[in-house]
């Protein structure tokens, strides 16, 4: 028996044992246990279906025909066509595999003796863009306000983090692991640097312009057990622009980077009066590592 067959047999034995255990329980416990098991396995089936869809998409992009793929996989061509036309796109995993948490750095309200932590209107709008994007891929999301001093919990799955290292210094430490791009600060405030080209990007909005710059990338969790998606402008409009860029280019980015670590800088043009994004574009290549 090869290793794959042995693993399959062991898994089947575990599942059989769990079914037999459920049958010994009282009706309420039996029903609750069965529902929990169904939900757990349905989530796994959904993720395996996405992996299958991704693999078929890659085979097609490599020049293989649907009829060849169907024959090799023991499926009908009609089944292959149906799989390609239904269900969420594989690029959904670019955001996450389940319920998303969008952590947003907050700051204290000004001019108050006992101020509460709040998020900017632009950061909240960026969250709504991400949430709508997630919903379009069959995911849901909620936001979490991270109050000063920005001690965000990074070691968790399905995490997206927004706002600059000024509000989230722990993220700033993780950003130091990016070999290509960086957030930095100096006498003239915060700026972005392309360490590969040496180019420095200071926000035109610092001098009254209606353009801001932002960082987007996937960073490693401190515990080494995964990664999180990070979006941050030099200013709040840049964060909103980063969310819009992700919304418009997620499929393209997924095709390029898959599950690898990556980062890029984007430029956001906006309407200064309405505080609305007009357009976004990349400033740098999409770097992978």
C-alpha atoms as a PDB file:
ATOM      1  CA  UNK A   1       0.000   0.000   0.000  1.00  0.00           C
ATOM      2  CA  UNK A   2       1.474   3.364  -1.011  1.00  0.00           C
ATOM      3  CA  UNK A   3       1.530   6.392   1.325  1.00  0.00           C
ATOM      4  CA  UNK A   4      -1.473   8.072  -0.308  1.00  0.00           C
ATOM      5  CA  UNK A   5      -3.625   4.938  -0.035  1.00  0.00           C
ATOM      6  CA  UNK A   6      -2.523   4.466   3.578  1.00  0.00           C
ATOM      7  CA  UNK A   7      -3.451   8.045   4.475  1.00  0.00           C
ATOM      8  CA  UNK A   8      -6.846   7.582   2.807  1.00  0.00           C
ATOM      9  CA  UNK A   9      -7.480   4.394   4.763  1.00  0.00           C
ATOM     10  CA  UNK A  10      -6.529   6.082   8.037  1.00  0.00           C
ATOM     11  CA  UNK A  11      -8.851   8.998   7.311  1.00  0.00           C
ATOM     12  CA  UNK A  12     -11.725   6.644   6.511  1.00  0.00           C
ATOM     13  CA  UNK A  13     -11.111   4.793   9.790  1.00  0.00           C
ATOM     14  CA  UNK A  14     -11.253   8.074  11.737  1.00  0.00           C
ATOM     15  CA  UNK A  15     -14.496   9.103  10.030  1.00  0.00           C
ATOM     16  CA  UNK A  16     -16.051   5.684  10.695  1.00  0.00           C
ATOM     17  CA  UNK A  17     -15.043   5.882  14.360  1.00  0.00           C
ATOM     18  CA  UNK A  18     -16.604   9.342  14.689  1.00  0.00           C
ATOM     19  CA  UNK A  19     -19.867   8.172  13.101  1.00  0.00           C
ATOM     20  CA  UNK A  20     -20.044   5.231  15.491  1.00  0.00           C
ATOM     21  CA  UNK A  21     -19.411   7.551  18.456  1.00  0.00           C
ATOM     22  CA  UNK A  22     -22.238   9.872  17.367  1.00  0.00           C
ATOM     23  CA  UNK A  23     -24.656   6.946  17.192  1.00  0.00           C
ATOM     24  CA  UNK A  24     -24.114   6.266  20.905  1.00  0.00           C
ATOM     25  CA  UNK A  25     -25.206   9.761  21.983  1.00  0.00           C
ATOM     26  CA  UNK A  26     -28.597  10.976  23.139  1.00  0.00           C
ATOM     27  CA  UNK A  27     -30.774  12.477  20.354  1.00  0.00           C
ATOM     28  CA  UNK A  28     -30.030  16.184  21.116  1.00  0.00           C
ATOM     29  CA  UNK A  29     -26.278  15.575  21.347  1.00  0.00           C
ATOM     30  CA  UNK A  30     -26.388  13.266  18.326  1.00  0.00           C
ATOM     31  CA  UNK A  31     -28.155  15.890  16.195  1.00  0.00           C
ATOM     32  CA  UNK A  32     -25.831  18.696  17.338  1.00  0.00           C
ATOM     33  CA  UNK A  33     -22.739  16.576  16.735  1.00  0.00           C
ATOM     34  CA  UNK A  34     -23.927  15.567  13.281  1.00  0.00           C
ATOM     35  CA  UNK A  35     -24.624  19.193  12.327  1.00  0.00           C
ATOM     36  CA  UNK A  36     -21.176  20.249  13.531  1.00  0.00           C
ATOM     37  CA  UNK A  37     -19.567  17.456  11.521  1.00  0.00           C
ATOM     38  CA  UNK A  38     -21.538  18.315   8.388  1.00  0.00           C
ATOM     39  CA  UNK A  39     -20.537  21.991   8.630  1.00  0.00           C
ATOM     40  CA  UNK A  40     -16.891  21.084   9.167  1.00  0.00           C
ATOM     41  CA  UNK A  41     -16.747  18.668   6.266  1.00  0.00           C
ATOM     42  CA  UNK A  42     -18.743  20.970   3.978  1.00  0.00           C
ATOM     43  CA  UNK A  43     -16.139  23.687   4.500  1.00  0.00           C
ATOM     44  CA  UNK A  44     -13.422  21.182   3.592  1.00  0.00           C
ATOM     45  CA  UNK A  45     -15.375  20.074   0.506  1.00  0.00           C
ATOM     46  CA  UNK A  46     -15.709  23.717  -0.562  1.00  0.00           C
ATOM     47  CA  UNK A  47     -11.963  24.305  -0.232  1.00  0.00           C
ATOM     48  CA  UNK A  48     -11.109  21.098  -2.103  1.00  0.00           C
ATOM     49  CA  UNK A  49     -13.516  22.174  -4.854  1.00  0.00           C
ATOM     50  CA  UNK A  50     -11.650  25.467  -5.150  1.00  0.00           C
ATOM     51  CA  UNK A  51      -8.318  23.626  -5.382  1.00  0.00           C
ATOM     52  CA  UNK A  52      -9.769  21.406  -8.128  1.00  0.00           C
ATOM     53  CA  UNK A  53     -11.109  24.433 -10.018  1.00  0.00           C
ATOM     54  CA  UNK A  54      -7.754  26.217  -9.730  1.00  0.00           C
ATOM     55  CA  UNK A  55      -5.891  23.180 -11.072  1.00  0.00           C
ATOM     56  CA  UNK A  56      -8.274  22.868 -14.029  1.00  0.00           C
ATOM     57  CA  UNK A  57      -7.897  26.576 -14.788  1.00  0.00           C
ATOM     58  CA  UNK A  58      -4.100  26.173 -14.780  1.00  0.00           C
ATOM     59  CA  UNK A  59      -4.294  23.157 -17.095  1.00  0.00           C
ATOM     60  CA  UNK A  60      -6.451  25.136 -19.531  1.00  0.00           C
ATOM     61  CA  UNK A  61      -4.066  28.095 -19.420  1.00  0.00           C
ATOM     62  CA  UNK A  62      -1.195  25.685 -20.192  1.00  0.00           C
ATOM     63  CA  UNK A  63      -2.956  24.697 -23.420  1.00  0.00           C
ATOM     64  CA  UNK A  64      -4.718  21.486 -22.439  1.00  0.00           C
ATOM     65  CA  UNK A  65      -8.180  20.954 -23.923  1.00  0.00           C
ATOM     66  CA  UNK A  66     -11.303  20.287 -21.874  1.00  0.00           C
ATOM     67  CA  UNK A  67     -11.753  16.886 -23.484  1.00  0.00           C
ATOM     68  CA  UNK A  68      -8.197  15.863 -22.516  1.00  0.00           C
ATOM     69  CA  UNK A  69      -8.665  17.056 -18.939  1.00  0.00           C
ATOM     70  CA  UNK A  70     -11.960  15.192 -18.672  1.00  0.00           C
ATOM     71  CA  UNK A  71     -10.410  11.943 -19.911  1.00  0.00           C
ATOM     72  CA  UNK A  72      -7.388  12.167 -17.620  1.00  0.00           C
ATOM     73  CA  UNK A  73      -9.504  12.959 -14.550  1.00  0.00           C
ATOM     74  CA  UNK A  74     -12.218  10.401 -15.275  1.00  0.00           C
ATOM     75  CA  UNK A  75     -14.911  13.025 -15.758  1.00  0.00           C
ATOM     76  CA  UNK A  76     -17.178  14.019 -18.612  1.00  0.00           C
ATOM     77  CA  UNK A  77     -16.493  17.119 -20.669  1.00  0.00           C
ATOM     78  CA  UNK A  78     -19.928  18.432 -19.643  1.00  0.00           C
ATOM     79  CA  UNK A  79     -18.908  18.093 -15.983  1.00  0.00           C
ATOM     80  CA  UNK A  80     -15.691  20.035 -16.609  1.00  0.00           C
ATOM     81  CA  UNK A  81     -17.657  22.804 -18.332  1.00  0.00           C
ATOM     82  CA  UNK A  82     -20.119  22.963 -15.440  1.00  0.00           C
ATOM     83  CA  UNK A  83     -17.319  23.208 -12.882  1.00  0.00           C
ATOM     84  CA  UNK A  84     -15.759  26.102 -14.778  1.00  0.00           C
ATOM     85  CA  UNK A  85     -19.070  27.958 -15.053  1.00  0.00           C
ATOM     86  CA  UNK A  86     -20.253  27.605 -11.461  1.00  0.00           C
ATOM     87  CA  UNK A  87     -19.088  28.282  -7.948  1.00  0.00           C
ATOM     88  CA  UNK A  88     -16.665  30.868  -6.591  1.00  0.00           C
ATOM     89  CA  UNK A  89     -13.475  31.601  -8.464  1.00  0.00           C
ATOM     90  CA  UNK A  90     -10.254  30.098  -7.082  1.00  0.00           C
ATOM     91  CA  UNK A  91      -8.982  33.663  -6.589  1.00  0.00           C
ATOM     92  CA  UNK A  92     -11.327  33.884  -3.595  1.00  0.00           C
ATOM     93  CA  UNK A  93      -8.538  32.434  -1.450  1.00  0.00           C
ATOM     94  CA  UNK A  94      -6.580  35.634  -2.124  1.00  0.00           C
ATOM     95  CA  UNK A  95      -8.804  37.164   0.575  1.00  0.00           C
ATOM     96  CA  UNK A  96      -9.239  34.096   2.779  1.00  0.00           C
ATOM     97  CA  UNK A  97     -10.978  30.774   3.204  1.00  0.00           C
ATOM     98  CA  UNK A  98     -13.700  31.749   5.675  1.00  0.00           C
ATOM     99  CA  UNK A  99     -15.082  34.612   7.730  1.00  0.00           C
ATOM    100  CA  UNK A 100     -12.731  37.604   7.287  1.00  0.00           C
ATOM    101  CA  UNK A 101     -11.593  39.972  10.006  1.00  0.00           C
ATOM    102  CA  UNK A 102     -10.516  43.423   8.798  1.00  0.00           C
ATOM    103  CA  UNK A 103      -8.413  45.035  11.533  1.00  0.00           C
ATOM    104  CA  UNK A 104      -8.294  48.842  11.280  1.00  0.00           C
ATOM    105  CA  UNK A 105      -5.960  51.050  13.279  1.00  0.00           C
ATOM    106  CA  UNK A 106      -7.794  53.729  15.242  1.00  0.00           C
ATOM    107  CA  UNK A 107      -6.805  56.972  16.893  1.00  0.00           C
ATOM    108  CA  UNK A 108      -8.159  58.943  19.822  1.00  0.00           C
ATOM    109  CA  UNK A 109     -10.770  61.606  19.239  1.00  0.00           C
ATOM    110  CA  UNK A 110      -9.241  65.037  19.536  1.00  0.00           C
ATOM    111  CA  UNK A 111     -10.306  67.813  21.916  1.00  0.00           C
ATOM    112  CA  UNK A 112     -11.915  65.452  24.414  1.00  0.00           C
ATOM    113  CA  UNK A 113     -10.861  64.871  28.011  1.00  0.00           C
ATOM    114  CA  UNK A 114     -11.700  61.142  27.843  1.00  0.00           C
ATOM    115  CA  UNK A 115     -11.427  60.360  24.135  1.00  0.00           C
ATOM    116  CA  UNK A 116     -12.619  57.129  22.512  1.00  0.00           C
ATOM    117  CA  UNK A 117     -10.771  55.372  19.710  1.00  0.00           C
ATOM    118  CA  UNK A 118     -12.224  56.011  16.248  1.00  0.00           C
ATOM    119  CA  UNK A 119     -11.404  55.094  12.659  1.00  0.00           C
ATOM    120  CA  UNK A 120     -11.295  57.622   9.843  1.00  0.00           C
ATOM    121  CA  UNK A 121     -14.199  57.877   7.418  1.00  0.00           C
ATOM    122  CA  UNK A 122     -11.833  56.866   4.597  1.00  0.00           C
ATOM    123  CA  UNK A 123     -10.650  53.742   6.438  1.00  0.00           C
ATOM    124  CA  UNK A 124     -14.255  52.767   7.115  1.00  0.00           C
ATOM    125  CA  UNK A 125     -15.063  53.285   3.421  1.00  0.00           C
ATOM    126  CA  UNK A 126     -12.071  51.077   2.559  1.00  0.00           C
ATOM    127  CA  UNK A 127     -13.516  48.367   4.797  1.00  0.00           C
ATOM    128  CA  UNK A 128     -16.856  48.558   2.981  1.00  0.00           C
ATOM    129  CA  UNK A 129     -15.044  48.139  -0.357  1.00  0.00           C
ATOM    130  CA  UNK A 130     -13.265  45.034   0.973  1.00  0.00           C
ATOM    131  CA  UNK A 131     -16.461  43.665   2.498  1.00  0.00           C
ATOM    132  CA  UNK A 132     -18.372  44.081  -0.767  1.00  0.00           C
ATOM    133  CA  UNK A 133     -15.511  42.401  -2.619  1.00  0.00           C
ATOM    134  CA  UNK A 134     -15.579  39.510  -0.141  1.00  0.00           C
ATOM    135  CA  UNK A 135     -19.346  39.103  -0.494  1.00  0.00           C
ATOM    136  CA  UNK A 136     -18.988  38.925  -4.281  1.00  0.00           C
ATOM    137  CA  UNK A 137     -16.722  35.882  -3.750  1.00  0.00           C
ATOM    138  CA  UNK A 138     -19.042  34.171  -1.290  1.00  0.00           C
ATOM    139  CA  UNK A 139     -17.252  35.325   1.867  1.00  0.00           C
ATOM    140  CA  UNK A 140     -18.358  37.558   4.712  1.00  0.00           C
ATOM    141  CA  UNK A 141     -16.364  40.061   6.740  1.00  0.00           C
ATOM    142  CA  UNK A 142     -16.476  42.233   9.825  1.00  0.00           C
ATOM    143  CA  UNK A 143     -14.170  44.989  10.974  1.00  0.00           C
ATOM    144  CA  UNK A 144     -12.268  45.267  14.220  1.00  0.00           C
ATOM    145  CA  UNK A 145     -11.113  48.614  15.583  1.00  0.00           C
ATOM    146  CA  UNK A 146      -7.579  48.444  16.981  1.00  0.00           C
ATOM    147  CA  UNK A 147      -7.232  51.265  19.527  1.00  0.00           C
ATOM    148  CA  UNK A 148      -3.974  53.055  20.332  1.00  0.00           C
ATOM    149  CA  UNK A 149      -1.232  51.991  20.749  1.00  0.00           C
ATOM    150  CA  UNK A 150      -2.139  49.631  17.884  1.00  0.00           C
ATOM    151  CA  UNK A 151      -1.505  46.216  19.441  1.00  0.00           C
ATOM    152  CA  UNK A 152      -3.200  44.240  16.670  1.00  0.00           C
ATOM    153  CA  UNK A 153      -3.297  40.432  16.990  1.00  0.00           C
ATOM    154  CA  UNK A 154      -1.645  39.167  13.810  1.00  0.00           C
ATOM    155  CA  UNK A 155      -1.475  35.426  14.493  1.00  0.00           C
ATOM    156  CA  UNK A 156      -4.875  34.373  13.131  1.00  0.00           C
ATOM    157  CA  UNK A 157      -6.352  33.147   9.888  1.00  0.00           C
ATOM    158  CA  UNK A 158      -8.403  35.115   7.364  1.00  0.00           C
ATOM    159  CA  UNK A 159      -6.977  38.430   8.532  1.00  0.00           C
ATOM    160  CA  UNK A 160      -6.761  41.675   6.564  1.00  0.00           C
ATOM    161  CA  UNK A 161      -5.060  44.671   8.165  1.00  0.00           C
ATOM    162  CA  UNK A 162      -5.471  48.303   7.131  1.00  0.00           C
ATOM    163  CA  UNK A 163      -3.886  51.687   8.002  1.00  0.00           C
ATOM    164  CA  UNK A 164      -0.291  52.794   8.308  1.00  0.00           C
ATOM    165  CA  UNK A 165       2.449  51.713  10.736  1.00  0.00           C
ATOM    166  CA  UNK A 166       1.966  55.081  12.448  1.00  0.00           C
ATOM    167  CA  UNK A 167      -1.233  53.602  13.920  1.00  0.00           C
ATOM    168  CA  UNK A 168      -0.107  49.958  13.906  1.00  0.00           C
ATOM    169  CA  UNK A 169       3.567  49.822  14.960  1.00  0.00           C
ATOM    170  CA  UNK A 170       3.518  46.002  15.253  1.00  0.00           C
ATOM    171  CA  UNK A 171       2.778  45.801  11.536  1.00  0.00           C
ATOM    172  CA  UNK A 172       5.651  48.212  10.963  1.00  0.00           C
ATOM    173  CA  UNK A 173       8.004  45.672  12.526  1.00  0.00           C
ATOM    174  CA  UNK A 174       6.690  42.895  10.269  1.00  0.00           C
ATOM    175  CA  UNK A 175       7.067  45.206   7.253  1.00  0.00           C
ATOM    176  CA  UNK A 176      10.812  45.265   7.854  1.00  0.00           C
ATOM    177  CA  UNK A 177      10.894  41.697   6.484  1.00  0.00           C
ATOM    178  CA  UNK A 178       9.843  42.950   3.016  1.00  0.00           C
ATOM    179  CA  UNK A 179      13.078  42.929   0.969  1.00  0.00           C
ATOM    180  CA  UNK A 180      11.668  45.225  -1.728  1.00  0.00           C
ATOM    181  CA  UNK A 181       9.420  47.916  -0.252  1.00  0.00           C
ATOM    182  CA  UNK A 182       9.193  49.817   3.005  1.00  0.00           C
ATOM    183  CA  UNK A 183       7.250  52.391   4.993  1.00  0.00           C
ATOM    184  CA  UNK A 184       9.599  54.921   6.580  1.00  0.00           C
ATOM    185  CA  UNK A 185       9.363  58.185   8.496  1.00  0.00           C
ATOM    186  CA  UNK A 186      11.599  61.221   8.839  1.00  0.00           C
ATOM    187  CA  UNK A 187      11.574  64.942   9.403  1.00  0.00           C
ATOM    188  CA  UNK A 188       9.092  65.427   6.558  1.00  0.00           C
ATOM    189  CA  UNK A 189       6.713  62.707   7.733  1.00  0.00           C
ATOM    190  CA  UNK A 190       5.942  59.233   6.432  1.00  0.00           C
ATOM    191  CA  UNK A 191       6.945  58.027   2.972  1.00  0.00           C
ATOM    192  CA  UNK A 192       7.359  54.841   0.943  1.00  0.00           C
ATOM    193  CA  UNK A 193      10.583  53.477  -0.506  1.00  0.00           C
ATOM    194  CA  UNK A 194      11.298  51.009  -3.283  1.00  0.00           C
ATOM    195  CA  UNK A 195      14.445  49.386  -1.895  1.00  0.00           C
ATOM    196  CA  UNK A 196      15.069  47.564  -5.163  1.00  0.00           C
ATOM    197  CA  UNK A 197      15.168  50.695  -7.353  1.00  0.00           C
ATOM    198  CA  UNK A 198      16.092  53.165  -4.610  1.00  0.00           C
ATOM    199  CA  UNK A 199      13.158  55.424  -5.474  1.00  0.00           C
ATOM    200  CA  UNK A 200      11.388  57.331  -2.693  1.00  0.00           C
ATOM    201  CA  UNK A 201       7.674  58.188  -2.839  1.00  0.00           C
ATOM    202  CA  UNK A 202       6.448  61.128  -0.776  1.00  0.00           C
ATOM    203  CA  UNK A 203       2.738  61.786  -0.860  1.00  0.00           C
ATOM    204  CA  UNK A 204       1.726  64.737  -3.086  1.00  0.00           C
ATOM    205  CA  UNK A 205      -1.107  65.345  -0.623  1.00  0.00           C
ATOM    206  CA  UNK A 206       1.513  66.606   1.861  1.00  0.00           C
ATOM    207  CA  UNK A 207       1.906  69.654  -0.374  1.00  0.00           C
ATOM    208  CA  UNK A 208      -1.763  70.131  -1.191  1.00  0.00           C
ATOM    209  CA  UNK A 209      -2.135  67.680  -4.081  1.00  0.00           C
ATOM    210  CA  UNK A 210      -5.028  65.275  -4.598  1.00  0.00           C
ATOM    211  CA  UNK A 211      -2.838  62.175  -4.922  1.00  0.00           C
ATOM    212  CA  UNK A 212      -1.689  59.720  -2.278  1.00  0.00           C
ATOM    213  CA  UNK A 213       0.473  56.569  -2.340  1.00  0.00           C
ATOM    214  CA  UNK A 214      -0.143  53.212  -0.681  1.00  0.00           C
ATOM    215  CA  UNK A 215       1.387  49.823   0.054  1.00  0.00           C
ATOM    216  CA  UNK A 216      -0.426  46.546  -0.657  1.00  0.00           C
ATOM    217  CA  UNK A 217       1.030  43.143   0.082  1.00  0.00           C
ATOM    218  CA  UNK A 218       0.929  39.819   1.886  1.00  0.00           C
ATOM    219  CA  UNK A 219       3.062  39.702   5.024  1.00  0.00           C
ATOM    220  CA  UNK A 220       4.107  36.780   7.249  1.00  0.00           C
ATOM    221  CA  UNK A 221       2.469  36.224  10.598  1.00  0.00           C
ATOM    222  CA  UNK A 222       4.914  36.566  13.507  1.00  0.00           C
ATOM    223  CA  UNK A 223       4.280  32.932  14.518  1.00  0.00           C
ATOM    224  CA  UNK A 224       5.365  31.701  11.065  1.00  0.00           C
ATOM    225  CA  UNK A 225       2.085  29.808  10.554  1.00  0.00           C
ATOM    226  CA  UNK A 226       0.578  31.843   7.755  1.00  0.00           C
ATOM    227  CA  UNK A 227       0.230  35.349   6.427  1.00  0.00           C
ATOM    228  CA  UNK A 228      -2.132  38.310   6.327  1.00  0.00           C
ATOM    229  CA  UNK A 229      -3.125  40.811   3.661  1.00  0.00           C
ATOM    230  CA  UNK A 230      -2.039  44.394   4.357  1.00  0.00           C
ATOM    231  CA  UNK A 231      -3.258  47.661   2.801  1.00  0.00           C
ATOM    232  CA  UNK A 232      -2.048  51.067   3.929  1.00  0.00           C
ATOM    233  CA  UNK A 233      -1.776  54.523   2.454  1.00  0.00           C
ATOM    234  CA  UNK A 234       0.595  57.207   3.598  1.00  0.00           C
ATOM    235  CA  UNK A 235      -2.636  59.026   4.393  1.00  0.00           C
ATOM    236  CA  UNK A 236      -6.224  57.830   4.741  1.00  0.00           C
ATOM    237  CA  UNK A 237      -7.123  58.394   1.088  1.00  0.00           C
ATOM    238  CA  UNK A 238      -4.271  56.123   0.079  1.00  0.00           C
ATOM    239  CA  UNK A 239      -5.755  53.320   2.187  1.00  0.00           C
ATOM    240  CA  UNK A 240      -9.099  53.794   0.438  1.00  0.00           C
ATOM    241  CA  UNK A 241      -7.295  53.813  -2.917  1.00  0.00           C
ATOM    242  CA  UNK A 242      -5.530  50.551  -2.020  1.00  0.00           C
ATOM    243  CA  UNK A 243      -8.902  48.914  -1.348  1.00  0.00           C
ATOM    244  CA  UNK A 244     -10.198  50.124  -4.726  1.00  0.00           C
ATOM    245  CA  UNK A 245      -7.077  48.836  -6.487  1.00  0.00           C
ATOM    246  CA  UNK A 246      -7.532  45.421  -4.882  1.00  0.00           C
ATOM    247  CA  UNK A 247     -11.187  45.362  -5.908  1.00  0.00           C
ATOM    248  CA  UNK A 248     -10.296  46.112  -9.539  1.00  0.00           C
ATOM    249  CA  UNK A 249      -7.242  43.852  -9.836  1.00  0.00           C
ATOM    250  CA  UNK A 250      -7.679  40.899  -7.462  1.00  0.00           C
ATOM    251  CA  UNK A 251      -8.046  38.224 -10.138  1.00  0.00           C
ATOM    252  CA  UNK A 252      -5.010  39.581 -11.964  1.00  0.00           C
ATOM    253  CA  UNK A 253      -2.937  39.655  -8.769  1.00  0.00           C
ATOM    254  CA  UNK A 254      -3.999  36.143  -7.812  1.00  0.00           C
ATOM    255  CA  UNK A 255      -2.976  34.786 -11.204  1.00  0.00           C
ATOM    256  CA  UNK A 256       0.428  36.412 -10.757  1.00  0.00           C
ATOM    257  CA  UNK A 257       1.270  35.619  -7.125  1.00  0.00           C
ATOM    258  CA  UNK A 258      -1.012  32.765  -5.944  1.00  0.00           C
ATOM    259  CA  UNK A 259      -0.165  32.099  -2.259  1.00  0.00           C
ATOM    260  CA  UNK A 260       3.321  33.629  -2.318  1.00  0.00           C
ATOM    261  CA  UNK A 261       4.373  36.690  -0.365  1.00  0.00           C
ATOM    262  CA  UNK A 262       4.190  39.780  -2.526  1.00  0.00           C
ATOM    263  CA  UNK A 263       3.994  43.570  -2.366  1.00  0.00           C
ATOM    264  CA  UNK A 264       3.526  46.590  -4.587  1.00  0.00           C
ATOM    265  CA  UNK A 265       2.967  50.338  -4.323  1.00  0.00           C
ATOM    266  CA  UNK A 266      -0.011  52.092  -5.864  1.00  0.00           C
ATOM    267  CA  UNK A 267      -0.965  55.644  -6.719  1.00  0.00           C
ATOM    268  CA  UNK A 268      -4.424  56.965  -5.860  1.00  0.00           C
ATOM    269  CA  UNK A 269      -5.980  60.041  -7.499  1.00  0.00           C
ATOM    270  CA  UNK A 270      -8.987  61.364  -5.600  1.00  0.00           C
ATOM    271  CA  UNK A 271     -11.531  64.136  -5.365  1.00  0.00           C
ATOM    272  CA  UNK A 272     -10.376  66.187  -2.397  1.00  0.00           C
ATOM    273  CA  UNK A 273     -13.801  67.737  -1.772  1.00  0.00           C
ATOM    274  CA  UNK A 274     -15.886  64.561  -2.005  1.00  0.00           C
ATOM    275  CA  UNK A 275     -13.140  62.344  -0.535  1.00  0.00           C
ATOM    276  CA  UNK A 276     -13.771  59.827  -3.300  1.00  0.00           C
ATOM    277  CA  UNK A 277     -11.275  57.783  -5.322  1.00  0.00           C
ATOM    278  CA  UNK A 278     -11.084  58.736  -8.995  1.00  0.00           C
ATOM    279  CA  UNK A 279      -8.437  56.277 -10.226  1.00  0.00           C
ATOM    280  CA  UNK A 280      -5.640  53.984  -9.072  1.00  0.00           C
ATOM    281  CA  UNK A 281      -2.540  52.559 -10.757  1.00  0.00           C
ATOM    282  CA  UNK A 282       0.659  50.736  -9.823  1.00  0.00           C
ATOM    283  CA  UNK A 283       3.844  52.674  -9.046  1.00  0.00           C
ATOM    284  CA  UNK A 284       6.156  49.654  -8.844  1.00  0.00           C
ATOM    285  CA  UNK A 285       6.305  46.079 -10.122  1.00  0.00           C
ATOM    286  CA  UNK A 286       4.528  43.399  -8.111  1.00  0.00           C
ATOM    287  CA  UNK A 287       7.447  41.995  -6.132  1.00  0.00           C
ATOM    288  CA  UNK A 288       7.310  38.409  -4.867  1.00  0.00           C
ATOM    289  CA  UNK A 289       9.433  36.669  -2.280  1.00  0.00           C
END
